[in-house]
């Protein structure tokens, strides 16, 4: 059950990045964050961290070497939309709807030895469902874009 509170979005994002920054640097990827310091959202911080951890990990694991992972927000009076884009990436349109299925792997060559359970996006979907948050994962001209709509206090 979500326990929302007023939190700075930048702090939530910053708290999950160190682990993935190291992983990204191994393949010369760069993570760029552009979120205003004063952006306040009304969310369960632990639940949003779980979502972000899975989304950013997916972005880093599935973007090619030297790609950029861009994280930013756009605000309206009532909501804040948080975006995560991994550049130079594309997901086959037939696979896109299946990515939230438990244990689904787009790349059949991957297996348990990769330490990838195939549950990351299922966790994202279930967590955001519990938070009653709209979200989407889509292909764009620049790469794969995830967004989630968060309420403001």
N, C-alpha and C. Protein backbone atom coordinates (compact mmCIF):
# COMPACT_ATOMS: atom_id res chain seq x y z
N UNK A 1 0.86 -1.18 0.00
CA UNK A 1 0.00 0.00 0.00
C UNK A 1 0.90 1.24 0.00
N UNK A 2 0.73 2.09 -1.01
CA UNK A 2 1.57 3.29 -1.07
C UNK A 2 1.34 4.23 0.11
N UNK A 3 2.43 4.85 0.55
CA UNK A 3 2.37 5.86 1.60
C UNK A 3 2.98 7.15 1.04
N UNK A 4 2.19 7.90 0.24
CA UNK A 4 2.76 9.08 -0.43
C UNK A 4 3.10 10.20 0.55
N UNK A 5 4.15 10.92 0.17
CA UNK A 5 4.56 12.11 0.92
C UNK A 5 5.20 13.08 -0.06
N UNK A 6 5.37 14.31 0.37
CA UNK A 6 6.01 15.32 -0.47
C UNK A 6 7.51 15.07 -0.51
N UNK A 7 8.04 14.85 -1.70
CA UNK A 7 9.47 14.56 -1.85
C UNK A 7 10.04 15.32 -3.05
N UNK A 8 11.32 15.65 -2.95
CA UNK A 8 12.01 16.28 -4.08
C UNK A 8 12.36 15.20 -5.09
N UNK A 9 11.86 15.35 -6.29
CA UNK A 9 12.09 14.36 -7.34
C UNK A 9 13.58 14.18 -7.61
N UNK A 10 14.31 15.27 -7.64
CA UNK A 10 15.76 15.20 -7.91
C UNK A 10 16.47 14.31 -6.88
N UNK A 11 16.06 14.39 -5.61
CA UNK A 11 16.68 13.56 -4.57
C UNK A 11 16.39 12.09 -4.78
N UNK A 12 15.16 11.78 -5.19
CA UNK A 12 14.79 10.37 -5.42
C UNK A 12 15.64 9.81 -6.57
N UNK A 13 15.72 10.56 -7.66
CA UNK A 13 16.49 10.11 -8.83
C UNK A 13 17.97 9.97 -8.45
N UNK A 14 18.51 10.97 -7.79
CA UNK A 14 19.93 10.94 -7.40
C UNK A 14 20.27 9.76 -6.50
N UNK A 15 19.31 9.34 -5.68
CA UNK A 15 19.58 8.25 -4.74
C UNK A 15 19.73 6.89 -5.42
N UNK A 16 19.15 6.73 -6.61
CA UNK A 16 19.25 5.41 -7.27
C UNK A 16 20.37 5.35 -8.31
N UNK A 17 20.94 6.48 -8.68
CA UNK A 17 21.89 6.50 -9.79
C UNK A 17 23.29 5.95 -9.52
N UNK A 18 23.88 6.09 -8.34
CA UNK A 18 25.27 5.66 -8.18
C UNK A 18 25.57 4.24 -8.65
N UNK A 19 24.72 3.30 -8.34
CA UNK A 19 24.93 1.90 -8.76
C UNK A 19 24.99 1.79 -10.27
N UNK A 20 24.09 2.49 -10.95
CA UNK A 20 23.99 2.35 -12.41
C UNK A 20 25.02 3.21 -13.14
N UNK A 21 25.49 4.26 -12.49
CA UNK A 21 26.53 5.12 -13.06
C UNK A 21 27.78 4.27 -13.33
N UNK A 22 28.16 3.47 -12.36
CA UNK A 22 29.34 2.60 -12.50
C UNK A 22 29.14 1.61 -13.63
N UNK A 23 27.96 1.00 -13.70
CA UNK A 23 27.64 0.05 -14.76
C UNK A 23 27.69 0.73 -16.13
N UNK A 24 27.15 1.93 -16.23
CA UNK A 24 27.13 2.67 -17.49
C UNK A 24 28.55 3.04 -17.94
N UNK A 25 29.38 3.42 -16.99
CA UNK A 25 30.75 3.84 -17.33
C UNK A 25 31.56 2.70 -17.93
N UNK A 26 31.23 1.46 -17.58
CA UNK A 26 31.95 0.31 -18.14
C UNK A 26 31.83 0.24 -19.65
N UNK A 27 30.71 0.72 -20.20
CA UNK A 27 30.52 0.69 -21.65
C UNK A 27 30.47 2.11 -22.24
N UNK A 28 31.06 3.05 -21.51
CA UNK A 28 31.19 4.44 -21.96
C UNK A 28 29.84 5.11 -22.22
N UNK A 29 28.82 4.64 -21.51
CA UNK A 29 27.53 5.30 -21.57
C UNK A 29 27.55 6.49 -20.61
N UNK A 30 26.71 7.47 -20.90
CA UNK A 30 26.60 8.63 -20.01
C UNK A 30 25.17 8.78 -19.55
N UNK A 31 25.00 9.07 -18.27
CA UNK A 31 23.68 9.33 -17.71
C UNK A 31 23.58 10.82 -17.43
N UNK A 32 22.61 11.48 -18.05
CA UNK A 32 22.40 12.92 -17.87
C UNK A 32 21.06 13.14 -17.20
N UNK A 33 21.07 13.91 -16.11
CA UNK A 33 19.84 14.20 -15.37
C UNK A 33 19.57 15.70 -15.41
N UNK A 34 18.34 16.05 -15.80
CA UNK A 34 17.91 17.45 -15.83
C UNK A 34 16.56 17.53 -15.13
N UNK A 35 16.62 17.68 -13.82
CA UNK A 35 15.39 17.80 -13.02
C UNK A 35 15.58 18.99 -12.09
N UNK A 36 14.66 19.95 -12.14
CA UNK A 36 14.80 21.11 -11.25
C UNK A 36 14.82 20.69 -9.78
N UNK A 37 15.71 21.30 -9.00
CA UNK A 37 15.85 20.97 -7.59
C UNK A 37 14.60 21.23 -6.78
N UNK A 38 13.75 22.14 -7.26
CA UNK A 38 12.54 22.49 -6.51
C UNK A 38 11.32 21.64 -6.90
N UNK A 39 11.50 20.67 -7.80
CA UNK A 39 10.38 19.84 -8.25
C UNK A 39 9.94 18.90 -7.13
N UNK A 40 8.73 19.13 -6.60
CA UNK A 40 8.18 18.32 -5.51
C UNK A 40 7.06 17.44 -6.04
N UNK A 41 7.12 16.14 -5.73
CA UNK A 41 6.06 15.22 -6.12
C UNK A 41 5.48 14.58 -4.86
N UNK A 42 4.26 14.08 -4.98
CA UNK A 42 3.55 13.45 -3.87
C UNK A 42 3.48 11.95 -4.15
N UNK A 43 4.50 11.21 -3.69
CA UNK A 43 4.64 9.79 -4.03
C UNK A 43 5.18 9.01 -2.84
N UNK A 44 5.08 7.70 -2.96
CA UNK A 44 5.77 6.81 -2.03
C UNK A 44 7.21 6.71 -2.55
N UNK A 45 8.14 7.29 -1.81
CA UNK A 45 9.53 7.36 -2.27
C UNK A 45 10.15 6.01 -2.52
N UNK A 46 9.89 5.03 -1.64
CA UNK A 46 10.49 3.71 -1.82
C UNK A 46 9.94 3.02 -3.07
N UNK A 47 8.66 3.19 -3.32
CA UNK A 47 8.06 2.57 -4.51
C UNK A 47 8.64 3.22 -5.78
N UNK A 48 8.77 4.55 -5.78
CA UNK A 48 9.32 5.21 -6.96
C UNK A 48 10.79 4.83 -7.16
N UNK A 49 11.54 4.66 -6.08
CA UNK A 49 12.93 4.21 -6.21
C UNK A 49 13.00 2.82 -6.84
N UNK A 50 12.09 1.94 -6.44
CA UNK A 50 12.05 0.59 -7.01
C UNK A 50 11.79 0.66 -8.52
N UNK A 51 10.84 1.50 -8.92
CA UNK A 51 10.52 1.68 -10.33
C UNK A 51 11.73 2.22 -11.08
N UNK A 52 12.31 3.29 -10.56
CA UNK A 52 13.45 3.92 -11.23
C UNK A 52 14.64 2.97 -11.33
N UNK A 53 14.89 2.21 -10.28
CA UNK A 53 16.00 1.26 -10.32
C UNK A 53 15.84 0.28 -11.47
N UNK A 54 14.64 -0.26 -11.62
CA UNK A 54 14.40 -1.21 -12.71
C UNK A 54 14.47 -0.55 -14.08
N UNK A 55 13.91 0.65 -14.21
CA UNK A 55 13.91 1.33 -15.51
C UNK A 55 15.33 1.74 -15.91
N UNK A 56 16.07 2.31 -14.98
CA UNK A 56 17.44 2.75 -15.30
C UNK A 56 18.33 1.54 -15.58
N UNK A 57 18.19 0.49 -14.80
CA UNK A 57 18.98 -0.72 -15.06
C UNK A 57 18.67 -1.26 -16.46
N UNK A 58 17.40 -1.33 -16.83
CA UNK A 58 17.03 -1.77 -18.18
C UNK A 58 17.65 -0.87 -19.24
N UNK A 59 17.61 0.44 -19.00
CA UNK A 59 18.16 1.38 -19.98
C UNK A 59 19.66 1.14 -20.17
N UNK A 60 20.38 0.98 -19.07
CA UNK A 60 21.83 0.77 -19.14
C UNK A 60 22.15 -0.57 -19.80
N UNK A 61 21.42 -1.62 -19.41
CA UNK A 61 21.70 -2.95 -19.95
C UNK A 61 21.37 -3.08 -21.43
N UNK A 62 20.39 -2.32 -21.90
CA UNK A 62 19.92 -2.50 -23.28
C UNK A 62 20.38 -1.43 -24.25
N UNK A 63 21.04 -0.40 -23.75
CA UNK A 63 21.58 0.63 -24.65
C UNK A 63 22.97 0.19 -25.10
N UNK A 64 23.34 0.54 -26.33
CA UNK A 64 24.66 0.14 -26.82
C UNK A 64 25.77 0.97 -26.15
N UNK A 65 27.02 0.51 -26.29
CA UNK A 65 28.14 1.30 -25.77
C UNK A 65 28.08 2.74 -26.30
N UNK A 66 28.47 3.67 -25.47
CA UNK A 66 28.54 5.10 -25.78
C UNK A 66 27.17 5.76 -25.93
N UNK A 67 26.11 5.06 -25.60
CA UNK A 67 24.78 5.67 -25.65
C UNK A 67 24.60 6.62 -24.47
N UNK A 68 23.57 7.44 -24.56
CA UNK A 68 23.22 8.32 -23.47
C UNK A 68 21.92 7.83 -22.84
N UNK A 69 21.85 7.93 -21.53
CA UNK A 69 20.60 7.73 -20.82
C UNK A 69 20.23 9.10 -20.27
N UNK A 70 19.11 9.64 -20.73
CA UNK A 70 18.69 10.98 -20.31
C UNK A 70 17.48 10.85 -19.39
N UNK A 71 17.55 11.56 -18.27
CA UNK A 71 16.46 11.55 -17.29
C UNK A 71 16.07 13.01 -17.07
N UNK A 72 14.78 13.32 -17.29
CA UNK A 72 14.34 14.69 -17.09
C UNK A 72 12.87 14.71 -16.69
N UNK A 73 12.39 15.90 -16.33
CA UNK A 73 10.99 16.03 -15.94
C UNK A 73 10.36 17.21 -16.65
N UNK A 74 9.04 17.13 -16.80
CA UNK A 74 8.23 18.23 -17.33
C UNK A 74 7.04 18.38 -16.41
N UNK A 75 6.73 19.63 -16.09
CA UNK A 75 5.74 19.93 -15.07
C UNK A 75 4.49 20.59 -15.62
N UNK A 76 3.36 20.26 -15.00
CA UNK A 76 2.11 21.00 -15.19
C UNK A 76 1.72 21.45 -13.78
N UNK A 77 0.67 22.23 -13.63
CA UNK A 77 0.30 22.64 -12.26
C UNK A 77 -0.01 21.46 -11.33
N UNK A 78 -0.54 20.36 -11.87
CA UNK A 78 -0.97 19.24 -11.01
C UNK A 78 -0.07 18.01 -11.05
N UNK A 79 0.72 17.87 -12.12
CA UNK A 79 1.52 16.65 -12.27
C UNK A 79 2.94 16.97 -12.72
N UNK A 80 3.76 15.97 -12.58
CA UNK A 80 5.12 16.02 -13.08
C UNK A 80 5.35 14.73 -13.85
N UNK A 81 5.79 14.86 -15.08
CA UNK A 81 6.07 13.68 -15.88
C UNK A 81 7.58 13.45 -15.86
N UNK A 82 7.97 12.27 -15.42
CA UNK A 82 9.38 11.89 -15.35
C UNK A 82 9.69 11.02 -16.56
N UNK A 83 10.77 11.36 -17.27
CA UNK A 83 11.17 10.64 -18.48
C UNK A 83 12.52 9.96 -18.29
N UNK A 84 12.67 8.79 -18.91
CA UNK A 84 13.97 8.12 -19.01
C UNK A 84 14.09 7.67 -20.47
N UNK A 85 15.11 8.19 -21.15
CA UNK A 85 15.35 7.86 -22.56
C UNK A 85 16.69 7.17 -22.68
N UNK A 86 16.71 5.99 -23.31
CA UNK A 86 18.01 5.43 -23.67
C UNK A 86 18.16 5.55 -25.17
N UNK A 87 19.19 6.29 -25.57
CA UNK A 87 19.38 6.63 -26.97
C UNK A 87 19.94 5.45 -27.76
N UNK A 88 19.80 5.55 -29.06
CA UNK A 88 20.36 4.57 -30.00
C UNK A 88 19.84 3.16 -29.75
N UNK A 89 18.61 3.07 -29.25
CA UNK A 89 18.00 1.78 -28.94
C UNK A 89 16.63 1.73 -29.59
N UNK A 90 16.19 0.53 -29.94
CA UNK A 90 14.87 0.34 -30.52
C UNK A 90 14.36 -1.02 -30.07
N UNK A 91 13.07 -1.08 -29.77
CA UNK A 91 12.44 -2.35 -29.40
C UNK A 91 11.48 -2.72 -30.52
N UNK A 92 11.59 -3.94 -31.00
CA UNK A 92 10.69 -4.43 -32.04
C UNK A 92 9.24 -4.20 -31.59
N UNK A 93 8.42 -3.63 -32.47
CA UNK A 93 7.03 -3.28 -32.13
C UNK A 93 6.21 -4.51 -31.71
N UNK A 94 6.56 -5.69 -32.20
CA UNK A 94 5.85 -6.91 -31.81
C UNK A 94 6.19 -7.34 -30.38
N UNK A 95 7.37 -6.95 -29.93
CA UNK A 95 7.85 -7.34 -28.60
C UNK A 95 7.39 -6.35 -27.53
N UNK A 96 7.27 -5.09 -27.91
CA UNK A 96 6.95 -4.02 -26.95
C UNK A 96 5.83 -4.37 -25.97
N UNK A 97 4.66 -4.88 -26.42
CA UNK A 97 3.59 -5.17 -25.46
C UNK A 97 3.92 -6.33 -24.50
N UNK A 98 4.87 -7.18 -24.89
CA UNK A 98 5.19 -8.36 -24.08
C UNK A 98 6.22 -8.07 -22.99
N UNK A 99 6.87 -6.90 -23.06
CA UNK A 99 7.97 -6.62 -22.13
C UNK A 99 7.55 -6.57 -20.67
N UNK A 100 6.27 -6.35 -20.41
CA UNK A 100 5.81 -6.29 -19.03
C UNK A 100 5.33 -7.66 -18.53
N UNK A 101 5.38 -8.68 -19.39
CA UNK A 101 5.01 -10.03 -18.98
C UNK A 101 6.11 -10.62 -18.10
N UNK A 102 5.74 -11.31 -17.01
CA UNK A 102 6.76 -11.92 -16.15
C UNK A 102 7.67 -12.86 -16.94
N UNK A 103 8.95 -12.76 -16.67
CA UNK A 103 10.00 -13.64 -17.21
C UNK A 103 10.22 -13.49 -18.72
N UNK A 104 9.57 -12.50 -19.36
CA UNK A 104 9.77 -12.34 -20.79
C UNK A 104 11.15 -11.75 -21.05
N UNK A 105 11.83 -12.30 -22.03
CA UNK A 105 13.13 -11.75 -22.46
C UNK A 105 13.06 -11.50 -23.94
N UNK A 106 13.35 -10.27 -24.34
CA UNK A 106 13.34 -9.93 -25.76
C UNK A 106 14.44 -10.68 -26.50
N UNK A 107 15.57 -10.86 -25.84
CA UNK A 107 16.70 -11.55 -26.43
C UNK A 107 16.72 -12.98 -25.88
N UNK A 108 16.32 -13.92 -26.73
CA UNK A 108 16.21 -15.32 -26.29
C UNK A 108 17.56 -15.92 -25.91
N UNK A 109 18.65 -15.31 -26.35
CA UNK A 109 19.98 -15.83 -26.04
C UNK A 109 20.34 -15.57 -24.57
N UNK A 110 19.64 -14.63 -23.94
CA UNK A 110 19.92 -14.35 -22.53
C UNK A 110 19.31 -15.46 -21.68
N UNK A 111 19.98 -15.74 -20.59
CA UNK A 111 19.43 -16.74 -19.69
C UNK A 111 19.77 -16.37 -18.25
N UNK A 112 19.52 -17.26 -17.34
CA UNK A 112 19.73 -16.99 -15.91
C UNK A 112 21.19 -16.65 -15.60
N UNK A 113 22.14 -17.12 -16.41
CA UNK A 113 23.54 -16.83 -16.14
C UNK A 113 23.82 -15.33 -16.23
N UNK A 114 22.97 -14.59 -16.91
CA UNK A 114 23.13 -13.14 -17.02
C UNK A 114 22.67 -12.43 -15.74
N UNK A 115 22.14 -13.20 -14.78
CA UNK A 115 21.57 -12.63 -13.55
C UNK A 115 20.43 -11.67 -13.85
N UNK A 116 19.69 -11.96 -14.89
CA UNK A 116 18.54 -11.15 -15.26
C UNK A 116 17.31 -12.02 -15.18
N UNK A 117 16.40 -11.66 -14.27
CA UNK A 117 15.25 -12.52 -14.00
C UNK A 117 14.13 -12.39 -15.03
N UNK A 118 14.10 -11.27 -15.77
CA UNK A 118 12.98 -11.04 -16.66
C UNK A 118 11.78 -10.47 -15.90
N UNK A 119 12.01 -10.01 -14.68
CA UNK A 119 10.91 -9.47 -13.86
C UNK A 119 10.94 -7.96 -13.71
N UNK A 120 12.00 -7.29 -14.16
CA UNK A 120 12.15 -5.85 -13.94
C UNK A 120 10.95 -5.02 -14.35
N UNK A 121 10.50 -5.17 -15.59
CA UNK A 121 9.38 -4.35 -16.05
C UNK A 121 8.04 -4.83 -15.50
N UNK A 122 7.97 -6.10 -15.10
CA UNK A 122 6.76 -6.58 -14.43
C UNK A 122 6.64 -5.90 -13.07
N UNK A 123 7.77 -5.78 -12.37
CA UNK A 123 7.79 -5.07 -11.08
C UNK A 123 7.40 -3.61 -11.28
N UNK A 124 7.93 -2.99 -12.33
CA UNK A 124 7.59 -1.60 -12.65
C UNK A 124 6.08 -1.47 -12.84
N UNK A 125 5.51 -2.33 -13.67
CA UNK A 125 4.08 -2.26 -13.97
C UNK A 125 3.23 -2.46 -12.71
N UNK A 126 3.56 -3.45 -11.90
CA UNK A 126 2.78 -3.73 -10.69
C UNK A 126 2.92 -2.59 -9.67
N UNK A 127 4.12 -2.07 -9.53
CA UNK A 127 4.35 -0.98 -8.57
C UNK A 127 3.62 0.28 -9.00
N UNK A 128 3.72 0.62 -10.28
CA UNK A 128 3.02 1.82 -10.75
C UNK A 128 1.51 1.63 -10.73
N UNK A 129 1.06 0.41 -10.92
CA UNK A 129 -0.38 0.12 -10.79
C UNK A 129 -0.84 0.37 -9.36
N UNK A 130 -0.05 -0.08 -8.39
CA UNK A 130 -0.38 0.15 -6.98
C UNK A 130 -0.37 1.64 -6.64
N UNK A 131 0.49 2.39 -7.33
CA UNK A 131 0.58 3.84 -7.11
C UNK A 131 -0.47 4.59 -7.92
N UNK A 132 -1.21 3.89 -8.77
CA UNK A 132 -2.21 4.48 -9.65
C UNK A 132 -1.59 5.55 -10.56
N UNK A 133 -0.42 5.22 -11.10
CA UNK A 133 0.32 6.17 -11.94
C UNK A 133 0.28 5.72 -13.40
N UNK A 134 -0.01 6.65 -14.30
CA UNK A 134 0.05 6.38 -15.73
C UNK A 134 1.50 6.32 -16.16
N UNK A 135 1.81 5.42 -17.11
CA UNK A 135 3.17 5.32 -17.62
C UNK A 135 3.14 4.73 -19.02
N UNK A 136 4.26 4.82 -19.70
CA UNK A 136 4.35 4.27 -21.05
C UNK A 136 5.80 3.95 -21.38
N UNK A 137 5.99 3.02 -22.29
CA UNK A 137 7.30 2.67 -22.83
C UNK A 137 7.13 2.64 -24.34
N UNK A 138 7.86 3.50 -25.05
CA UNK A 138 7.66 3.65 -26.49
C UNK A 138 8.98 3.84 -27.22
N UNK A 139 8.97 3.49 -28.49
CA UNK A 139 10.08 3.83 -29.37
C UNK A 139 9.91 5.27 -29.84
N UNK A 140 11.02 5.99 -29.93
CA UNK A 140 11.01 7.33 -30.50
C UNK A 140 12.14 7.39 -31.52
N UNK A 141 12.25 8.50 -32.20
CA UNK A 141 13.33 8.66 -33.19
C UNK A 141 14.70 8.58 -32.52
N UNK A 142 14.78 9.00 -31.25
CA UNK A 142 16.08 9.00 -30.56
C UNK A 142 16.40 7.70 -29.84
N UNK A 143 15.37 6.94 -29.49
CA UNK A 143 15.61 5.71 -28.74
C UNK A 143 14.35 5.26 -28.03
N UNK A 144 14.52 4.50 -26.96
CA UNK A 144 13.39 3.99 -26.19
C UNK A 144 13.10 4.95 -25.04
N UNK A 145 11.83 5.37 -24.94
CA UNK A 145 11.43 6.36 -23.96
C UNK A 145 10.41 5.77 -22.98
N UNK A 146 10.74 5.86 -21.69
CA UNK A 146 9.82 5.51 -20.62
C UNK A 146 9.39 6.81 -19.95
N UNK A 147 8.09 6.91 -19.62
CA UNK A 147 7.65 8.05 -18.81
C UNK A 147 6.62 7.58 -17.80
N UNK A 148 6.56 8.34 -16.71
CA UNK A 148 5.57 8.10 -15.66
C UNK A 148 5.03 9.44 -15.20
N UNK A 149 3.72 9.50 -15.00
CA UNK A 149 3.05 10.71 -14.54
C UNK A 149 2.91 10.66 -13.03
N UNK A 150 3.47 11.65 -12.34
CA UNK A 150 3.46 11.68 -10.89
C UNK A 150 2.64 12.88 -10.39
N UNK A 151 1.85 12.68 -9.33
CA UNK A 151 1.08 13.80 -8.80
C UNK A 151 1.97 14.75 -8.01
N UNK A 152 1.56 16.01 -8.00
CA UNK A 152 2.23 17.00 -7.14
C UNK A 152 1.40 17.15 -5.88
N UNK A 153 2.04 17.61 -4.85
CA UNK A 153 1.35 17.79 -3.57
C UNK A 153 0.37 18.94 -3.66
